[in-house]
Amino acid sequence: MSQNIVQKLRDQIENGIVSGEFPAGRRLDETQLAARFGVSRTPVREALIQLGAIGLIEIRPRRGAIVVEPAPHRIYEMFEVMAELEAMAGAHAARRYTDDDRAALEDAHCRCLRSAEAGDADAYYYDNEVFHEAVYAASHNGFLQEQCLALHRRLRPYRRLQLRVRNRMETSLAEHERVVKAILSGDSNGAAAALRMHVAVQGERFSDLVARLTTTRNES
């Protein structure tokens, strides 16, 4: 089974949940989804398992996959924790990064730059994941890396929505630049502050995310 097919299915179903096409409480039928996307039930089942792992659906006995979309305040709380976890990862990375970590960070940043210059939000979304994973790896704290990855996956659909806000991709890239400079200069406090600011969705940024979420659902 191709992981590209599973990823594409996961993204399509994920977008359907975030946009409101698949509202909270909706049962996602494997057979119907397979027919809709022209695939077998096997990749659909795997995509649903992945969505269950990040909390967008629940697999319930005798009912199957049920959409459980969190409220805006819950999303805010998750971003608040994510900001602190990433700040900690950045601080550790500034003290502990290796030559391999430097190369991985610089390569991921360059990939984000190319995607941003091309105006390709989807490519930037995936390159952004690689960038953040490089920061986690550079922390050289296995448990922290696991927690960052788990929450990052759970927030994935909302990070995608953020990138659809006007100028967010360019702003994100500039924030990445500050993160890389702080880490590679060994500035642990600066790296923590840069990542905290990059991830947090306070004030206008949270309002923009909620507005985008509402607009997307109204368009569905």
N, C-alpha and C. Protein backbone atom coordinates (compact mmCIF):
# COMPACT_ATOMS: atom_id res chain seq x y z
N MET A 1 0.84 -1.20 0.00
CA MET A 1 0.00 0.00 0.00
C MET A 1 0.88 1.25 0.00
N SER A 2 0.64 2.14 -0.93
CA SER A 2 1.43 3.36 -1.04
C SER A 2 1.10 4.33 0.08
N GLN A 3 2.15 4.80 0.78
CA GLN A 3 1.94 5.79 1.83
C GLN A 3 1.51 7.13 1.25
N ASN A 4 1.87 7.39 -0.03
CA ASN A 4 1.41 8.62 -0.67
C ASN A 4 -0.10 8.64 -0.81
N ILE A 5 -0.68 7.48 -1.12
CA ILE A 5 -2.14 7.38 -1.24
C ILE A 5 -2.79 7.62 0.12
N VAL A 6 -2.23 7.00 1.15
CA VAL A 6 -2.77 7.17 2.51
C VAL A 6 -2.66 8.63 2.93
N GLN A 7 -1.52 9.26 2.66
CA GLN A 7 -1.33 10.67 3.04
C GLN A 7 -2.32 11.56 2.32
N LYS A 8 -2.53 11.31 1.03
CA LYS A 8 -3.48 12.13 0.27
C LYS A 8 -4.90 11.95 0.81
N LEU A 9 -5.27 10.71 1.11
CA LEU A 9 -6.60 10.45 1.68
C LEU A 9 -6.75 11.13 3.04
N ARG A 10 -5.72 10.98 3.88
CA ARG A 10 -5.76 11.59 5.20
C ARG A 10 -5.96 13.10 5.09
N ASP A 11 -5.21 13.72 4.18
CA ASP A 11 -5.31 15.17 4.01
C ASP A 11 -6.70 15.58 3.53
N GLN A 12 -7.28 14.79 2.61
CA GLN A 12 -8.60 15.14 2.07
C GLN A 12 -9.68 15.00 3.14
N ILE A 13 -9.61 13.93 3.91
CA ILE A 13 -10.60 13.74 4.98
C ILE A 13 -10.39 14.77 6.07
N GLU A 14 -9.12 15.03 6.40
CA GLU A 14 -8.77 16.04 7.40
C GLU A 14 -9.33 17.41 7.01
N ASN A 15 -9.15 17.79 5.75
CA ASN A 15 -9.68 19.07 5.27
C ASN A 15 -11.21 19.10 5.34
N GLY A 16 -11.83 17.94 5.07
CA GLY A 16 -13.29 17.85 5.15
C GLY A 16 -13.80 18.06 6.56
N ILE A 17 -13.03 17.57 7.54
CA ILE A 17 -13.41 17.75 8.95
C ILE A 17 -13.24 19.20 9.36
N VAL A 18 -12.08 19.78 9.05
CA VAL A 18 -11.80 21.16 9.45
C VAL A 18 -12.74 22.14 8.76
N SER A 19 -13.11 21.85 7.51
CA SER A 19 -13.97 22.76 6.76
C SER A 19 -15.44 22.64 7.14
N GLY A 20 -15.78 21.56 7.88
CA GLY A 20 -17.17 21.37 8.27
C GLY A 20 -17.95 20.49 7.32
N GLU A 21 -17.31 20.03 6.24
CA GLU A 21 -17.99 19.11 5.32
C GLU A 21 -18.36 17.83 6.05
N PHE A 22 -17.46 17.39 6.94
CA PHE A 22 -17.72 16.25 7.82
C PHE A 22 -17.86 16.82 9.24
N PRO A 23 -19.05 17.20 9.67
CA PRO A 23 -19.23 17.88 10.96
C PRO A 23 -19.06 16.94 12.15
N ALA A 24 -18.91 17.52 13.33
CA ALA A 24 -18.79 16.74 14.56
C ALA A 24 -20.00 15.84 14.71
N GLY A 25 -19.74 14.57 15.08
CA GLY A 25 -20.80 13.59 15.22
C GLY A 25 -21.05 12.77 13.98
N ARG A 26 -20.49 13.20 12.85
CA ARG A 26 -20.68 12.49 11.58
C ARG A 26 -19.93 11.16 11.60
N ARG A 27 -20.59 10.10 11.16
CA ARG A 27 -19.94 8.80 11.02
C ARG A 27 -19.29 8.72 9.66
N LEU A 28 -18.01 8.37 9.63
CA LEU A 28 -17.27 8.26 8.37
C LEU A 28 -17.24 6.79 7.96
N ASP A 29 -18.00 6.48 6.95
CA ASP A 29 -18.14 5.10 6.48
C ASP A 29 -17.00 4.74 5.53
N GLU A 30 -16.28 3.68 5.83
CA GLU A 30 -15.12 3.28 5.01
C GLU A 30 -15.52 2.99 3.57
N THR A 31 -16.63 2.28 3.39
CA THR A 31 -17.06 1.90 2.03
C THR A 31 -17.41 3.13 1.21
N GLN A 32 -18.14 4.07 1.81
CA GLN A 32 -18.52 5.29 1.11
C GLN A 32 -17.30 6.14 0.76
N LEU A 33 -16.36 6.25 1.70
CA LEU A 33 -15.15 7.02 1.43
C LEU A 33 -14.31 6.36 0.34
N ALA A 34 -14.23 5.04 0.36
CA ALA A 34 -13.47 4.33 -0.67
C ALA A 34 -14.06 4.58 -2.05
N ALA A 35 -15.39 4.55 -2.13
CA ALA A 35 -16.06 4.80 -3.42
C ALA A 35 -15.86 6.25 -3.85
N ARG A 36 -15.94 7.16 -2.92
CA ARG A 36 -15.79 8.59 -3.24
C ARG A 36 -14.41 8.91 -3.80
N PHE A 37 -13.37 8.32 -3.19
CA PHE A 37 -12.01 8.63 -3.60
C PHE A 37 -11.41 7.62 -4.57
N GLY A 38 -12.18 6.61 -4.95
CA GLY A 38 -11.74 5.65 -5.95
C GLY A 38 -10.59 4.76 -5.50
N VAL A 39 -10.65 4.32 -4.24
CA VAL A 39 -9.60 3.45 -3.70
C VAL A 39 -10.26 2.29 -2.96
N SER A 40 -9.42 1.36 -2.51
CA SER A 40 -9.93 0.27 -1.71
C SER A 40 -10.15 0.73 -0.27
N ARG A 41 -10.75 -0.10 0.55
CA ARG A 41 -11.00 0.28 1.94
C ARG A 41 -9.72 0.28 2.78
N THR A 42 -8.69 -0.44 2.33
CA THR A 42 -7.47 -0.56 3.14
C THR A 42 -6.80 0.79 3.39
N PRO A 43 -6.50 1.60 2.34
CA PRO A 43 -5.90 2.91 2.62
C PRO A 43 -6.83 3.85 3.37
N VAL A 44 -8.15 3.72 3.15
CA VAL A 44 -9.11 4.53 3.89
C VAL A 44 -9.02 4.20 5.38
N ARG A 45 -8.96 2.91 5.69
CA ARG A 45 -8.87 2.48 7.08
C ARG A 45 -7.60 3.03 7.73
N GLU A 46 -6.47 2.99 7.01
CA GLU A 46 -5.21 3.49 7.54
C GLU A 46 -5.28 5.01 7.76
N ALA A 47 -5.89 5.72 6.81
CA ALA A 47 -6.04 7.17 6.96
C ALA A 47 -6.89 7.51 8.18
N LEU A 48 -7.96 6.75 8.42
CA LEU A 48 -8.82 6.98 9.57
C LEU A 48 -8.08 6.68 10.88
N ILE A 49 -7.24 5.66 10.87
CA ILE A 49 -6.45 5.35 12.06
C ILE A 49 -5.52 6.52 12.38
N GLN A 50 -4.90 7.09 11.35
CA GLN A 50 -4.00 8.24 11.56
C GLN A 50 -4.77 9.44 12.08
N LEU A 51 -5.97 9.67 11.57
CA LEU A 51 -6.78 10.79 12.05
C LEU A 51 -7.26 10.54 13.49
N GLY A 52 -7.48 9.28 13.82
CA GLY A 52 -7.83 8.94 15.19
C GLY A 52 -6.69 9.22 16.14
N ALA A 53 -5.45 8.99 15.65
CA ALA A 53 -4.27 9.20 16.50
C ALA A 53 -4.07 10.66 16.85
N ILE A 54 -4.57 11.59 16.03
CA ILE A 54 -4.40 13.01 16.33
C ILE A 54 -5.68 13.62 16.91
N GLY A 55 -6.68 12.78 17.18
CA GLY A 55 -7.86 13.24 17.91
C GLY A 55 -8.96 13.87 17.08
N LEU A 56 -8.89 13.78 15.75
CA LEU A 56 -9.96 14.36 14.94
C LEU A 56 -11.16 13.43 14.83
N ILE A 57 -10.93 12.13 15.00
CA ILE A 57 -12.03 11.17 15.00
C ILE A 57 -11.82 10.19 16.15
N GLU A 58 -12.90 9.52 16.51
CA GLU A 58 -12.83 8.43 17.47
C GLU A 58 -13.35 7.17 16.80
N ILE A 59 -12.66 6.05 17.04
CA ILE A 59 -13.12 4.76 16.54
C ILE A 59 -13.93 4.14 17.66
N ARG A 60 -15.25 4.06 17.48
CA ARG A 60 -16.14 3.59 18.53
C ARG A 60 -16.71 2.22 18.19
N PRO A 61 -16.86 1.35 19.19
CA PRO A 61 -17.42 0.02 18.95
C PRO A 61 -18.81 0.10 18.33
N ARG A 62 -19.01 -0.67 17.27
CA ARG A 62 -20.30 -0.79 16.57
C ARG A 62 -20.73 0.47 15.83
N ARG A 63 -19.97 1.56 15.97
CA ARG A 63 -20.33 2.79 15.24
C ARG A 63 -19.26 3.19 14.24
N GLY A 64 -18.04 2.72 14.42
CA GLY A 64 -16.97 3.04 13.49
C GLY A 64 -16.33 4.39 13.81
N ALA A 65 -15.91 5.11 12.76
CA ALA A 65 -15.18 6.37 12.92
C ALA A 65 -16.16 7.54 13.02
N ILE A 66 -16.07 8.28 14.14
CA ILE A 66 -16.96 9.41 14.40
C ILE A 66 -16.12 10.68 14.52
N VAL A 67 -16.54 11.74 13.83
CA VAL A 67 -15.82 13.02 13.86
C VAL A 67 -16.01 13.68 15.23
N VAL A 68 -14.90 14.10 15.84
CA VAL A 68 -14.94 14.80 17.13
C VAL A 68 -14.06 16.04 17.04
N GLU A 69 -14.59 17.10 16.46
CA GLU A 69 -13.83 18.32 16.21
C GLU A 69 -13.79 19.20 17.46
N PRO A 70 -12.59 19.57 17.94
CA PRO A 70 -12.51 20.36 19.17
C PRO A 70 -12.99 21.79 19.00
N ALA A 71 -13.44 22.39 20.10
CA ALA A 71 -13.89 23.79 20.11
C ALA A 71 -12.69 24.72 19.99
N PRO A 72 -12.91 25.98 19.55
CA PRO A 72 -11.81 26.93 19.40
C PRO A 72 -10.95 27.10 20.65
N HIS A 73 -11.59 27.13 21.85
CA HIS A 73 -10.78 27.33 23.05
C HIS A 73 -9.85 26.14 23.29
N ARG A 74 -10.29 24.94 22.86
CA ARG A 74 -9.44 23.76 23.00
C ARG A 74 -8.25 23.85 22.04
N ILE A 75 -8.50 24.34 20.84
CA ILE A 75 -7.42 24.52 19.88
C ILE A 75 -6.40 25.52 20.42
N TYR A 76 -6.90 26.60 21.02
CA TYR A 76 -6.03 27.61 21.61
C TYR A 76 -5.16 26.99 22.70
N GLU A 77 -5.75 26.17 23.55
CA GLU A 77 -5.01 25.53 24.63
C GLU A 77 -3.91 24.63 24.08
N MET A 78 -4.21 23.91 23.01
CA MET A 78 -3.20 23.02 22.43
C MET A 78 -2.04 23.82 21.85
N PHE A 79 -2.34 24.93 21.16
CA PHE A 79 -1.27 25.78 20.62
C PHE A 79 -0.44 26.39 21.75
N GLU A 80 -1.10 26.72 22.87
CA GLU A 80 -0.40 27.30 24.01
C GLU A 80 0.65 26.32 24.55
N VAL A 81 0.25 25.05 24.68
CA VAL A 81 1.19 24.02 25.14
C VAL A 81 2.26 23.75 24.10
N MET A 82 1.85 23.73 22.82
CA MET A 82 2.81 23.49 21.75
C MET A 82 3.91 24.55 21.74
N ALA A 83 3.53 25.80 21.98
CA ALA A 83 4.50 26.89 21.99
C ALA A 83 5.56 26.67 23.07
N GLU A 84 5.13 26.20 24.24
CA GLU A 84 6.08 25.98 25.32
C GLU A 84 6.97 24.76 25.05
N LEU A 85 6.39 23.72 24.49
CA LEU A 85 7.19 22.54 24.15
C LEU A 85 8.25 22.88 23.10
N GLU A 86 7.85 23.64 22.09
CA GLU A 86 8.80 24.00 21.04
C GLU A 86 9.86 24.97 21.56
N ALA A 87 9.47 25.85 22.46
CA ALA A 87 10.45 26.75 23.07
C ALA A 87 11.51 25.95 23.82
N MET A 88 11.08 24.92 24.54
CA MET A 88 12.02 24.07 25.26
C MET A 88 12.93 23.32 24.29
N ALA A 89 12.33 22.81 23.20
CA ALA A 89 13.13 22.09 22.20
C ALA A 89 14.17 23.02 21.58
N GLY A 90 13.77 24.26 21.27
CA GLY A 90 14.70 25.22 20.69
C GLY A 90 15.84 25.56 21.62
N ALA A 91 15.53 25.73 22.92
CA ALA A 91 16.56 26.05 23.91
C ALA A 91 17.57 24.92 24.01
N HIS A 92 17.07 23.68 24.06
CA HIS A 92 17.98 22.52 24.11
C HIS A 92 18.80 22.43 22.82
N ALA A 93 18.15 22.67 21.69
CA ALA A 93 18.84 22.56 20.40
C ALA A 93 20.00 23.55 20.32
N ALA A 94 19.81 24.76 20.85
CA ALA A 94 20.87 25.77 20.79
C ALA A 94 22.11 25.34 21.57
N ARG A 95 21.91 24.52 22.58
CA ARG A 95 23.04 24.06 23.40
C ARG A 95 23.63 22.75 22.90
N ARG A 96 22.81 21.96 22.17
CA ARG A 96 23.21 20.57 21.90
C ARG A 96 23.36 20.20 20.43
N TYR A 97 23.05 21.09 19.52
CA TYR A 97 23.02 20.69 18.11
C TYR A 97 24.40 20.22 17.63
N THR A 98 24.35 19.27 16.68
CA THR A 98 25.56 18.72 16.08
C THR A 98 25.71 19.25 14.66
N ASP A 99 26.78 18.87 14.00
CA ASP A 99 26.96 19.27 12.60
C ASP A 99 25.84 18.71 11.74
N ASP A 100 25.40 17.49 12.03
CA ASP A 100 24.29 16.91 11.27
C ASP A 100 23.00 17.69 11.51
N ASP A 101 22.78 18.12 12.75
CA ASP A 101 21.59 18.92 13.06
C ASP A 101 21.63 20.25 12.31
N ARG A 102 22.81 20.88 12.29
CA ARG A 102 22.95 22.14 11.55
C ARG A 102 22.57 21.95 10.08
N ALA A 103 23.09 20.89 9.48
CA ALA A 103 22.80 20.63 8.07
C ALA A 103 21.30 20.40 7.85
N ALA A 104 20.68 19.65 8.78
CA ALA A 104 19.25 19.35 8.64
C ALA A 104 18.41 20.62 8.77
N LEU A 105 18.76 21.47 9.73
CA LEU A 105 18.03 22.73 9.92
C LEU A 105 18.16 23.64 8.70
N GLU A 106 19.39 23.79 8.22
CA GLU A 106 19.62 24.67 7.08
C GLU A 106 18.94 24.14 5.83
N ASP A 107 18.97 22.83 5.64
CA ASP A 107 18.31 22.24 4.47
C ASP A 107 16.80 22.43 4.54
N ALA A 108 16.22 22.19 5.74
CA ALA A 108 14.77 22.35 5.89
C ALA A 108 14.36 23.81 5.67
N HIS A 109 15.19 24.73 6.17
CA HIS A 109 14.88 26.15 5.99
C HIS A 109 14.93 26.52 4.50
N CYS A 110 15.91 25.99 3.79
CA CYS A 110 16.02 26.27 2.34
C CYS A 110 14.82 25.71 1.58
N ARG A 111 14.34 24.55 2.00
CA ARG A 111 13.17 23.97 1.35
C ARG A 111 11.94 24.85 1.56
N CYS A 112 11.79 25.37 2.78
CA CYS A 112 10.69 26.28 3.07
C CYS A 112 10.80 27.55 2.22
N LEU A 113 12.03 28.04 2.07
CA LEU A 113 12.26 29.24 1.27
C LEU A 113 11.83 29.03 -0.17
N ARG A 114 12.20 27.89 -0.74
CA ARG A 114 11.83 27.61 -2.14
C ARG A 114 10.31 27.50 -2.29
N SER A 115 9.65 26.85 -1.33
CA SER A 115 8.19 26.72 -1.40
C SER A 115 7.50 28.07 -1.28
N ALA A 116 8.02 28.91 -0.38
CA ALA A 116 7.44 30.24 -0.18
C ALA A 116 7.62 31.09 -1.43
N GLU A 117 8.81 31.03 -2.02
CA GLU A 117 9.07 31.82 -3.23
C GLU A 117 8.19 31.37 -4.38
N ALA A 118 7.83 30.08 -4.39
CA ALA A 118 6.96 29.56 -5.44
C ALA A 118 5.49 29.82 -5.14
N GLY A 119 5.21 30.31 -3.92
CA GLY A 119 3.83 30.56 -3.53
C GLY A 119 3.02 29.28 -3.36
N ASP A 120 3.71 28.18 -3.06
CA ASP A 120 3.07 26.86 -2.95
C ASP A 120 2.80 26.56 -1.48
N ALA A 121 1.58 26.88 -1.02
CA ALA A 121 1.25 26.70 0.39
C ALA A 121 1.25 25.24 0.81
N ASP A 122 0.82 24.35 -0.08
CA ASP A 122 0.82 22.92 0.26
C ASP A 122 2.23 22.40 0.45
N ALA A 123 3.13 22.76 -0.45
CA ALA A 123 4.52 22.32 -0.32
C ALA A 123 5.15 22.92 0.92
N TYR A 124 4.84 24.18 1.20
CA TYR A 124 5.38 24.84 2.38
C TYR A 124 4.90 24.14 3.65
N TYR A 125 3.66 23.69 3.64
CA TYR A 125 3.09 23.00 4.79
C TYR A 125 3.93 21.77 5.14
N TYR A 126 4.26 20.97 4.13
CA TYR A 126 5.06 19.76 4.38
C TYR A 126 6.50 20.10 4.72
N ASP A 127 7.07 21.09 4.05
CA ASP A 127 8.44 21.50 4.36
C ASP A 127 8.52 22.09 5.77
N ASN A 128 7.47 22.76 6.19
CA ASN A 128 7.40 23.32 7.54
C ASN A 128 7.43 22.20 8.58
N GLU A 129 6.75 21.09 8.29
CA GLU A 129 6.79 19.94 9.19
C GLU A 129 8.22 19.43 9.34
N VAL A 130 8.93 19.35 8.23
CA VAL A 130 10.32 18.88 8.26
C VAL A 130 11.18 19.82 9.09
N PHE A 131 10.94 21.12 8.94
CA PHE A 131 11.70 22.12 9.70
C PHE A 131 11.52 21.93 11.19
N HIS A 132 10.27 21.83 11.62
CA HIS A 132 10.01 21.68 13.05
C HIS A 132 10.56 20.35 13.58
N GLU A 133 10.46 19.30 12.79
CA GLU A 133 11.00 18.01 13.22
C GLU A 133 12.52 18.08 13.37
N ALA A 134 13.18 18.90 12.55
CA ALA A 134 14.62 19.08 12.67
C ALA A 134 14.97 19.77 13.98
N VAL A 135 14.14 20.72 14.39
CA VAL A 135 14.36 21.39 15.69
C VAL A 135 14.21 20.38 16.82
N TYR A 136 13.15 19.56 16.75
CA TYR A 136 12.93 18.57 17.81
C TYR A 136 14.12 17.61 17.91
N ALA A 137 14.58 17.14 16.76
CA ALA A 137 15.69 16.19 16.74
C ALA A 137 16.95 16.81 17.34
N ALA A 138 17.17 18.10 17.05
CA ALA A 138 18.37 18.79 17.53
C ALA A 138 18.35 19.00 19.04
N SER A 139 17.20 18.83 19.68
CA SER A 139 17.12 18.98 21.13
C SER A 139 17.82 17.83 21.85
N HIS A 140 17.93 16.69 21.17
CA HIS A 140 18.55 15.49 21.74
C HIS A 140 17.94 15.11 23.08
N ASN A 141 16.61 15.26 23.14
CA ASN A 141 15.82 14.80 24.28
C ASN A 141 14.70 13.96 23.68
N GLY A 142 14.85 12.64 23.77
CA GLY A 142 13.91 11.75 23.11
C GLY A 142 12.47 11.90 23.55
N PHE A 143 12.26 12.06 24.86
CA PHE A 143 10.90 12.20 25.36
C PHE A 143 10.27 13.50 24.88
N LEU A 144 11.03 14.59 24.93
CA LEU A 144 10.53 15.87 24.45
C LEU A 144 10.20 15.79 22.97
N GLN A 145 11.06 15.14 22.20
CA GLN A 145 10.82 14.97 20.77
C GLN A 145 9.50 14.22 20.53
N GLU A 146 9.25 13.16 21.30
CA GLU A 146 8.02 12.39 21.15
C GLU A 146 6.79 13.26 21.44
N GLN A 147 6.86 14.05 22.51
CA GLN A 147 5.71 14.89 22.88
C GLN A 147 5.46 15.98 21.84
N CYS A 148 6.54 16.58 21.34
CA CYS A 148 6.41 17.60 20.29
C CYS A 148 5.77 17.01 19.04
N LEU A 149 6.24 15.84 18.63
CA LEU A 149 5.71 15.22 17.42
C LEU A 149 4.23 14.87 17.58
N ALA A 150 3.86 14.35 18.76
CA ALA A 150 2.48 13.96 18.98
C ALA A 150 1.54 15.16 18.90
N LEU A 151 1.90 16.26 19.57
CA LEU A 151 1.03 17.44 19.56
C LEU A 151 1.07 18.14 18.22
N HIS A 152 2.25 18.14 17.57
CA HIS A 152 2.36 18.73 16.24
C HIS A 152 1.41 18.03 15.28
N ARG A 153 1.36 16.68 15.35
CA ARG A 153 0.44 15.94 14.48
C ARG A 153 -1.01 16.30 14.78
N ARG A 154 -1.33 16.48 16.06
CA ARG A 154 -2.71 16.80 16.41
C ARG A 154 -3.13 18.17 15.91
N LEU A 155 -2.18 19.09 15.85
CA LEU A 155 -2.48 20.44 15.40
C LEU A 155 -2.31 20.62 13.89
N ARG A 156 -1.94 19.55 13.21
CA ARG A 156 -1.62 19.64 11.79
C ARG A 156 -2.70 20.33 10.95
N PRO A 157 -3.99 19.96 11.07
CA PRO A 157 -4.98 20.62 10.20
C PRO A 157 -5.11 22.11 10.44
N TYR A 158 -4.88 22.54 11.68
CA TYR A 158 -5.01 23.97 11.99
C TYR A 158 -3.79 24.74 11.55
N ARG A 159 -2.63 24.09 11.54
CA ARG A 159 -1.44 24.71 10.97
C ARG A 159 -1.65 24.94 9.47
N ARG A 160 -2.28 23.98 8.82
CA ARG A 160 -2.56 24.14 7.39
C ARG A 160 -3.47 25.33 7.15
N LEU A 161 -4.50 25.48 7.99
CA LEU A 161 -5.40 26.62 7.86
C LEU A 161 -4.68 27.94 8.09
N GLN A 162 -3.75 27.96 9.04
CA GLN A 162 -2.99 29.18 9.31
C GLN A 162 -2.29 29.68 8.06
N LEU A 163 -1.76 28.75 7.27
CA LEU A 163 -0.99 29.14 6.09
C LEU A 163 -1.86 29.76 5.01
N ARG A 164 -3.19 29.64 5.14
CA ARG A 164 -4.09 30.24 4.17
C ARG A 164 -4.44 31.68 4.51
N VAL A 165 -4.03 32.12 5.71
CA VAL A 165 -4.22 33.52 6.08
C VAL A 165 -3.24 34.37 5.27
N ARG A 166 -3.68 35.51 4.77
CA ARG A 166 -2.86 36.36 3.91
C ARG A 166 -1.51 36.69 4.56
N ASN A 167 -0.45 36.49 3.80
CA ASN A 167 0.94 36.80 4.21
C ASN A 167 1.50 35.90 5.31
N ARG A 168 0.75 34.89 5.74
CA ARG A 168 1.23 34.05 6.82
C ARG A 168 2.47 33.25 6.41
N MET A 169 2.52 32.80 5.15
CA MET A 169 3.66 32.00 4.71
C MET A 169 4.95 32.82 4.77
N GLU A 170 4.88 34.07 4.32
CA GLU A 170 6.05 34.93 4.34
C GLU A 170 6.47 35.24 5.78
N THR A 171 5.47 35.48 6.63
CA THR A 171 5.77 35.75 8.04
C THR A 171 6.40 34.53 8.70
N SER A 172 5.86 33.35 8.41
CA SER A 172 6.40 32.11 8.96
C SER A 172 7.85 31.92 8.56
N LEU A 173 8.16 32.21 7.31
CA LEU A 173 9.53 32.04 6.82
C LEU A 173 10.49 32.98 7.56
N ALA A 174 10.07 34.21 7.78
CA ALA A 174 10.91 35.16 8.52
C ALA A 174 11.12 34.69 9.95
N GLU A 175 10.09 34.10 10.54
CA GLU A 175 10.22 33.57 11.89
C GLU A 175 11.16 32.38 11.93
N HIS A 176 11.11 31.55 10.90
CA HIS A 176 12.07 30.43 10.78
C HIS A 176 13.51 30.95 10.76
N GLU A 177 13.71 32.03 10.03
CA GLU A 177 15.05 32.61 9.93
C GLU A 177 15.58 33.00 11.31
N ARG A 178 14.72 33.61 12.12
CA ARG A 178 15.14 33.99 13.48
C ARG A 178 15.42 32.77 14.34
N VAL A 179 14.63 31.72 14.16
CA VAL A 179 14.84 30.47 14.92
C VAL A 179 16.20 29.86 14.57
N VAL A 180 16.48 29.75 13.27
CA VAL A 180 17.74 29.14 12.82
C VAL A 180 18.93 29.94 13.34
N LYS A 181 18.87 31.26 13.20
CA LYS A 181 19.99 32.11 13.65
C LYS A 181 20.23 31.95 15.15
N ALA A 182 19.16 31.91 15.94
CA ALA A 182 19.31 31.79 17.38
C ALA A 182 19.90 30.43 17.76
N ILE A 183 19.39 29.38 17.16
CA ILE A 183 19.90 28.04 17.49
C ILE A 183 21.37 27.91 17.11
N LEU A 184 21.70 28.30 15.88
CA LEU A 184 23.07 28.09 15.39
C LEU A 184 24.08 29.03 16.03
N SER A 185 23.60 30.10 16.67
CA SER A 185 24.51 30.98 17.41
C SER A 185 24.61 30.57 18.87
N GLY A 186 23.89 29.50 19.24
CA GLY A 186 23.94 29.01 20.61
C GLY A 186 23.14 29.84 21.60
N ASP A 187 22.21 30.64 21.10
CA ASP A 187 21.41 31.52 21.95
C ASP A 187 20.15 30.77 22.40
N SER A 188 20.22 30.09 23.51
CA SER A 188 19.09 29.26 23.95
C SER A 188 17.87 30.10 24.31
N ASN A 189 18.07 31.24 24.97
CA ASN A 189 16.94 32.11 25.31
C ASN A 189 16.30 32.69 24.06
N GLY A 190 17.13 33.10 23.12
CA GLY A 190 16.60 33.65 21.87
C GLY A 190 15.85 32.61 21.06
N ALA A 191 16.37 31.38 21.03
CA ALA A 191 15.70 30.30 20.30
C ALA A 191 14.35 29.99 20.91
N ALA A 192 14.31 29.94 22.25
CA ALA A 192 13.05 29.68 22.94
C ALA A 192 12.03 30.78 22.64
N ALA A 193 12.46 32.02 22.72
CA ALA A 193 11.55 33.14 22.48
C ALA A 193 11.06 33.15 21.03
N ALA A 194 11.95 32.86 20.09
CA ALA A 194 11.58 32.87 18.67
C ALA A 194 10.56 31.78 18.37
N LEU A 195 10.76 30.60 18.94
CA LEU A 195 9.83 29.50 18.68
C LEU A 195 8.50 29.73 19.39
N ARG A 196 8.56 30.29 20.59
CA ARG A 196 7.31 30.57 21.32
C ARG A 196 6.46 31.57 20.52
N MET A 197 7.08 32.59 19.99
CA MET A 197 6.37 33.59 19.20
C MET A 197 5.86 32.98 17.89
N HIS A 198 6.66 32.09 17.31
CA HIS A 198 6.31 31.47 16.03
C HIS A 198 5.08 30.58 16.15
N VAL A 199 4.97 29.84 17.25
CA VAL A 199 3.92 28.84 17.38
C VAL A 199 2.65 29.39 18.02
N ALA A 200 2.78 30.29 18.99
CA ALA A 200 1.62 30.77 19.73
C ALA A 200 0.60 31.43 18.81
N VAL A 201 -0.68 31.28 19.15
CA VAL A 201 -1.76 31.87 18.33
C VAL A 201 -2.56 32.85 19.17
N GLN A 202 -1.86 33.75 19.84
CA GLN A 202 -2.52 34.74 20.68
C GLN A 202 -2.98 35.93 19.85
N GLY A 203 -3.88 36.71 20.42
CA GLY A 203 -4.30 37.98 19.83
C GLY A 203 -4.83 37.84 18.41
N GLU A 204 -4.31 38.68 17.52
CA GLU A 204 -4.80 38.73 16.14
C GLU A 204 -4.59 37.41 15.42
N ARG A 205 -3.50 36.72 15.73
CA ARG A 205 -3.25 35.45 15.03
C ARG A 205 -4.32 34.43 15.35
N PHE A 206 -4.76 34.36 16.61
CA PHE A 206 -5.83 33.44 16.96
C PHE A 206 -7.14 33.88 16.32
N SER A 207 -7.42 35.17 16.32
CA SER A 207 -8.63 35.68 15.67
C SER A 207 -8.64 35.33 14.19
N ASP A 208 -7.47 35.45 13.55
CA ASP A 208 -7.36 35.12 12.13
C ASP A 208 -7.63 33.63 11.90
N LEU A 209 -7.10 32.78 12.79
CA LEU A 209 -7.29 31.34 12.64
C LEU A 209 -8.77 30.98 12.79
N VAL A 210 -9.43 31.54 13.82
CA VAL A 210 -10.84 31.26 14.03
C VAL A 210 -11.68 31.78 12.87
N ALA A 211 -11.34 32.98 12.36
CA ALA A 211 -12.06 33.54 11.22
C ALA A 211 -11.90 32.66 9.99
N ARG A 212 -10.68 32.17 9.79
CA ARG A 212 -10.44 31.30 8.63
C ARG A 212 -11.19 29.99 8.78
N LEU A 213 -11.23 29.46 9.99
CA LEU A 213 -11.94 28.22 10.26
C LEU A 213 -13.43 28.40 9.99
N THR A 214 -13.99 29.53 10.44
CA THR A 214 -15.41 29.82 10.23
C THR A 214 -15.73 30.02 8.75
N THR A 215 -14.86 30.78 8.06
CA THR A 215 -15.07 31.05 6.64
C THR A 215 -15.03 29.76 5.82
N THR A 216 -14.06 28.91 6.14
CA THR A 216 -13.91 27.65 5.40
C THR A 216 -15.15 26.78 5.58
N ARG A 217 -15.68 26.74 6.80
CA ARG A 217 -16.87 25.93 7.05
C ARG A 217 -18.09 26.49 6.35
N ASN A 218 -18.20 27.80 6.31
CA ASN A 218 -19.34 28.43 5.63
C ASN A 218 -19.30 28.19 4.13
N GLU A 219 -18.07 28.03 3.60
CA GLU A 219 -17.92 27.81 2.16
C GLU A 219 -18.21 26.36 1.76
N SER A 220 -18.18 25.45 2.76
CA SER A 220 -18.34 24.03 2.45
C SER A 220 -19.78 23.68 2.11
